[in-house]
Amino acid sequence: MLAARSRGNPQKERQGWTEAREWYQQSVEAWQHITNPGVITSAGFEVGDPTEVSKQLAVCKAALGKMKSSPFATVGSEALSSSKALQ
């Protein structure tokens, strides 16, 4: 994630988490239109996991929430660790 590579620069880190949150939000909204998601496409490709997408969205929101509490704070390793644990 861009946010992980931007540690030490609060503005870039916030931008990375915001961008990730927006993409995950779009993905969650797309998954809501699929009534019976499969695990493989008709072409044989693995399909993403809507539950995983929701978890990653929550990680992004939590990281941004921590950043709002202190305008100069960086998220640190605990959010990144929870993000990696969810992958």
N, C-alpha and C. Protein backbone atom coordinates (compact mmCIF):
# COMPACT_ATOMS: atom_id res chain seq x y z
N MET A 1 0.83 -1.18 0.00
CA MET A 1 0.00 0.00 0.00
C MET A 1 0.87 1.24 0.00
N LEU A 2 0.44 2.26 -0.70
CA LEU A 2 1.16 3.52 -0.74
C LEU A 2 1.32 4.09 0.65
N ALA A 3 0.31 3.96 1.48
CA ALA A 3 0.38 4.50 2.84
C ALA A 3 1.54 3.90 3.61
N ALA A 4 1.81 2.64 3.40
CA ALA A 4 2.89 1.98 4.11
C ALA A 4 4.25 2.52 3.67
N ARG A 5 4.37 2.88 2.42
CA ARG A 5 5.64 3.41 1.92
C ARG A 5 5.84 4.87 2.25
N SER A 6 4.81 5.56 2.73
CA SER A 6 4.87 6.99 2.99
C SER A 6 5.08 7.32 4.46
N ARG A 7 5.42 6.33 5.27
CA ARG A 7 5.63 6.57 6.70
C ARG A 7 6.68 7.66 6.89
N GLY A 8 6.42 8.54 7.83
CA GLY A 8 7.35 9.63 8.10
C GLY A 8 6.91 10.92 7.43
N ASN A 9 6.04 10.86 6.47
CA ASN A 9 5.49 12.03 5.81
C ASN A 9 3.98 11.99 6.02
N PRO A 10 3.48 12.66 7.06
CA PRO A 10 2.05 12.57 7.42
C PRO A 10 1.09 12.92 6.28
N GLN A 11 1.45 13.91 5.49
CA GLN A 11 0.55 14.31 4.39
C GLN A 11 0.45 13.22 3.33
N LYS A 12 1.58 12.66 2.96
CA LYS A 12 1.56 11.58 1.95
C LYS A 12 0.93 10.31 2.52
N GLU A 13 1.17 10.06 3.80
CA GLU A 13 0.58 8.88 4.42
C GLU A 13 -0.94 9.00 4.44
N ARG A 14 -1.43 10.17 4.83
CA ARG A 14 -2.88 10.40 4.84
C ARG A 14 -3.46 10.24 3.44
N GLN A 15 -2.74 10.78 2.46
CA GLN A 15 -3.18 10.68 1.07
C GLN A 15 -3.26 9.21 0.63
N GLY A 16 -2.25 8.43 1.01
CA GLY A 16 -2.25 7.01 0.65
C GLY A 16 -3.40 6.25 1.28
N TRP A 17 -3.63 6.48 2.59
CA TRP A 17 -4.74 5.81 3.27
C TRP A 17 -6.08 6.25 2.69
N THR A 18 -6.19 7.53 2.33
CA THR A 18 -7.44 8.04 1.76
C THR A 18 -7.71 7.39 0.41
N GLU A 19 -6.68 7.30 -0.40
CA GLU A 19 -6.83 6.67 -1.71
C GLU A 19 -7.21 5.20 -1.57
N ALA A 20 -6.54 4.51 -0.67
CA ALA A 20 -6.86 3.09 -0.44
C ALA A 20 -8.30 2.93 0.04
N ARG A 21 -8.71 3.81 0.97
CA ARG A 21 -10.09 3.75 1.48
C ARG A 21 -11.09 3.93 0.35
N GLU A 22 -10.83 4.89 -0.55
CA GLU A 22 -11.75 5.14 -1.66
C GLU A 22 -11.87 3.94 -2.58
N TRP A 23 -10.73 3.28 -2.88
CA TRP A 23 -10.77 2.10 -3.75
C TRP A 23 -11.49 0.94 -3.08
N TYR A 24 -11.20 0.72 -1.79
CA TYR A 24 -11.90 -0.36 -1.08
C TYR A 24 -13.40 -0.07 -1.00
N GLN A 25 -13.77 1.20 -0.80
CA GLN A 25 -15.19 1.56 -0.73
C GLN A 25 -15.88 1.26 -2.06
N GLN A 26 -15.22 1.60 -3.17
CA GLN A 26 -15.78 1.28 -4.49
C GLN A 26 -15.95 -0.23 -4.67
N SER A 27 -14.98 -0.98 -4.20
CA SER A 27 -15.04 -2.43 -4.31
C SER A 27 -16.19 -3.00 -3.48
N VAL A 28 -16.34 -2.50 -2.25
CA VAL A 28 -17.45 -2.96 -1.39
C VAL A 28 -18.78 -2.68 -2.08
N GLU A 29 -18.91 -1.49 -2.66
CA GLU A 29 -20.16 -1.14 -3.34
C GLU A 29 -20.41 -2.04 -4.54
N ALA A 30 -19.37 -2.38 -5.27
CA ALA A 30 -19.51 -3.29 -6.42
C ALA A 30 -19.95 -4.68 -5.96
N TRP A 31 -19.32 -5.17 -4.87
CA TRP A 31 -19.68 -6.50 -4.36
C TRP A 31 -21.14 -6.55 -3.90
N GLN A 32 -21.69 -5.44 -3.47
CA GLN A 32 -23.08 -5.42 -3.01
C GLN A 32 -24.05 -5.68 -4.15
N HIS A 33 -23.61 -5.50 -5.39
CA HIS A 33 -24.48 -5.74 -6.55
C HIS A 33 -24.41 -7.19 -7.04
N ILE A 34 -23.54 -7.97 -6.45
CA ILE A 34 -23.37 -9.37 -6.87
C ILE A 34 -24.12 -10.25 -5.86
N THR A 35 -25.21 -10.83 -6.30
CA THR A 35 -26.05 -11.59 -5.38
C THR A 35 -25.44 -12.91 -4.94
N ASN A 36 -24.79 -13.61 -5.84
CA ASN A 36 -24.18 -14.90 -5.51
C ASN A 36 -22.74 -14.94 -6.00
N PRO A 37 -21.82 -14.31 -5.27
CA PRO A 37 -20.44 -14.29 -5.76
C PRO A 37 -19.83 -15.69 -5.75
N GLY A 38 -19.14 -16.00 -6.81
CA GLY A 38 -18.45 -17.27 -6.90
C GLY A 38 -17.02 -17.13 -6.45
N VAL A 39 -16.29 -18.24 -6.46
CA VAL A 39 -14.88 -18.20 -6.08
C VAL A 39 -13.98 -18.22 -7.30
N ILE A 40 -14.55 -18.56 -8.46
CA ILE A 40 -13.79 -18.61 -9.70
C ILE A 40 -14.65 -18.02 -10.82
N THR A 41 -14.03 -17.24 -11.71
CA THR A 41 -14.77 -16.70 -12.85
C THR A 41 -15.01 -17.81 -13.87
N SER A 42 -15.83 -17.52 -14.85
CA SER A 42 -16.09 -18.51 -15.90
C SER A 42 -14.82 -18.82 -16.70
N ALA A 43 -13.84 -17.91 -16.66
CA ALA A 43 -12.57 -18.13 -17.36
C ALA A 43 -11.56 -18.86 -16.48
N GLY A 44 -11.93 -19.17 -15.23
CA GLY A 44 -11.05 -19.93 -14.36
C GLY A 44 -10.16 -19.10 -13.44
N PHE A 45 -10.39 -17.79 -13.39
CA PHE A 45 -9.60 -16.93 -12.50
C PHE A 45 -10.23 -16.85 -11.12
N GLU A 46 -9.37 -16.80 -10.09
CA GLU A 46 -9.89 -16.64 -8.73
C GLU A 46 -10.52 -15.27 -8.57
N VAL A 47 -11.58 -15.24 -7.81
CA VAL A 47 -12.31 -14.00 -7.53
C VAL A 47 -11.90 -13.52 -6.15
N GLY A 48 -11.90 -12.20 -5.97
CA GLY A 48 -11.59 -11.64 -4.65
C GLY A 48 -12.62 -12.03 -3.62
N ASP A 49 -12.34 -11.71 -2.39
CA ASP A 49 -13.21 -12.05 -1.28
C ASP A 49 -13.87 -10.78 -0.74
N PRO A 50 -15.18 -10.66 -0.85
CA PRO A 50 -15.85 -9.44 -0.38
C PRO A 50 -15.65 -9.20 1.12
N THR A 51 -15.50 -10.24 1.90
CA THR A 51 -15.25 -10.08 3.33
C THR A 51 -13.88 -9.45 3.56
N GLU A 52 -12.90 -9.89 2.79
CA GLU A 52 -11.54 -9.33 2.89
C GLU A 52 -11.54 -7.86 2.50
N VAL A 53 -12.28 -7.52 1.49
CA VAL A 53 -12.37 -6.12 1.05
C VAL A 53 -12.94 -5.26 2.18
N SER A 54 -13.97 -5.76 2.83
CA SER A 54 -14.58 -5.02 3.95
C SER A 54 -13.59 -4.86 5.10
N LYS A 55 -12.81 -5.90 5.37
CA LYS A 55 -11.81 -5.82 6.44
C LYS A 55 -10.76 -4.77 6.11
N GLN A 56 -10.29 -4.77 4.88
CA GLN A 56 -9.28 -3.80 4.48
C GLN A 56 -9.83 -2.37 4.52
N LEU A 57 -11.08 -2.21 4.17
CA LEU A 57 -11.73 -0.89 4.27
C LEU A 57 -11.73 -0.43 5.73
N ALA A 58 -12.03 -1.34 6.64
CA ALA A 58 -12.02 -1.00 8.06
C ALA A 58 -10.62 -0.61 8.53
N VAL A 59 -9.59 -1.29 8.03
CA VAL A 59 -8.20 -0.96 8.39
C VAL A 59 -7.89 0.47 7.93
N CYS A 60 -8.29 0.81 6.72
CA CYS A 60 -8.05 2.17 6.20
C CYS A 60 -8.78 3.21 7.04
N LYS A 61 -10.03 2.94 7.36
CA LYS A 61 -10.80 3.90 8.16
C LYS A 61 -10.19 4.07 9.54
N ALA A 62 -9.73 3.00 10.13
CA ALA A 62 -9.12 3.07 11.47
C ALA A 62 -7.82 3.88 11.40
N ALA A 63 -7.03 3.65 10.38
CA ALA A 63 -5.77 4.39 10.24
C ALA A 63 -6.04 5.87 10.07
N LEU A 64 -7.01 6.21 9.25
CA LEU A 64 -7.36 7.62 9.05
C LEU A 64 -7.93 8.23 10.32
N GLY A 65 -8.68 7.44 11.07
CA GLY A 65 -9.22 7.93 12.35
C GLY A 65 -8.12 8.26 13.33
N LYS A 66 -7.08 7.43 13.36
CA LYS A 66 -5.95 7.70 14.24
C LYS A 66 -5.21 8.97 13.81
N MET A 67 -5.15 9.18 12.53
CA MET A 67 -4.45 10.36 12.02
C MET A 67 -5.22 11.64 12.32
N LYS A 68 -6.55 11.56 12.34
CA LYS A 68 -7.36 12.75 12.63
C LYS A 68 -7.15 13.22 14.06
N SER A 69 -6.88 12.28 14.96
CA SER A 69 -6.73 12.66 16.36
C SER A 69 -5.48 13.49 16.59
N SER A 70 -4.51 13.37 15.70
CA SER A 70 -3.29 14.17 15.79
C SER A 70 -2.85 14.52 14.37
N PRO A 71 -2.91 15.78 13.98
CA PRO A 71 -2.63 16.15 12.59
C PRO A 71 -1.21 15.82 12.13
N PHE A 72 -0.27 15.63 13.08
CA PHE A 72 1.10 15.33 12.70
C PHE A 72 1.48 13.88 12.95
N ALA A 73 0.52 13.08 13.38
CA ALA A 73 0.81 11.68 13.70
C ALA A 73 0.88 10.85 12.43
N THR A 74 1.70 9.83 12.51
CA THR A 74 1.70 8.81 11.48
C THR A 74 1.07 7.58 12.10
N VAL A 75 0.56 6.70 11.29
CA VAL A 75 -0.19 5.56 11.79
C VAL A 75 0.70 4.59 12.52
N GLY A 76 1.87 4.34 12.02
CA GLY A 76 2.77 3.43 12.70
C GLY A 76 2.55 1.98 12.32
N SER A 77 3.30 1.13 12.97
CA SER A 77 3.33 -0.27 12.59
C SER A 77 2.11 -1.05 13.01
N GLU A 78 1.37 -0.61 14.05
CA GLU A 78 0.23 -1.42 14.49
C GLU A 78 -0.86 -1.52 13.43
N ALA A 79 -1.16 -0.45 12.71
CA ALA A 79 -2.16 -0.52 11.64
C ALA A 79 -1.63 -1.32 10.47
N LEU A 80 -0.36 -1.14 10.17
CA LEU A 80 0.22 -1.90 9.07
C LEU A 80 0.27 -3.38 9.40
N SER A 81 0.55 -3.71 10.64
CA SER A 81 0.57 -5.11 11.06
C SER A 81 -0.80 -5.73 10.94
N SER A 82 -1.83 -5.00 11.36
CA SER A 82 -3.18 -5.55 11.26
C SER A 82 -3.60 -5.66 9.80
N SER A 83 -3.13 -4.76 8.97
CA SER A 83 -3.41 -4.83 7.54
C SER A 83 -2.78 -6.08 6.93
N LYS A 84 -1.52 -6.33 7.28
CA LYS A 84 -0.81 -7.50 6.74
C LYS A 84 -1.41 -8.80 7.28
N ALA A 85 -1.87 -8.76 8.51
CA ALA A 85 -2.46 -9.96 9.11
C ALA A 85 -3.74 -10.33 8.38
N LEU A 86 -4.44 -9.34 7.83
CA LEU A 86 -5.68 -9.59 7.14
C LEU A 86 -5.47 -10.09 5.71
N GLN A 87 -4.27 -9.91 5.19
CA GLN A 87 -4.02 -10.30 3.79
C GLN A 87 -3.91 -11.78 3.63
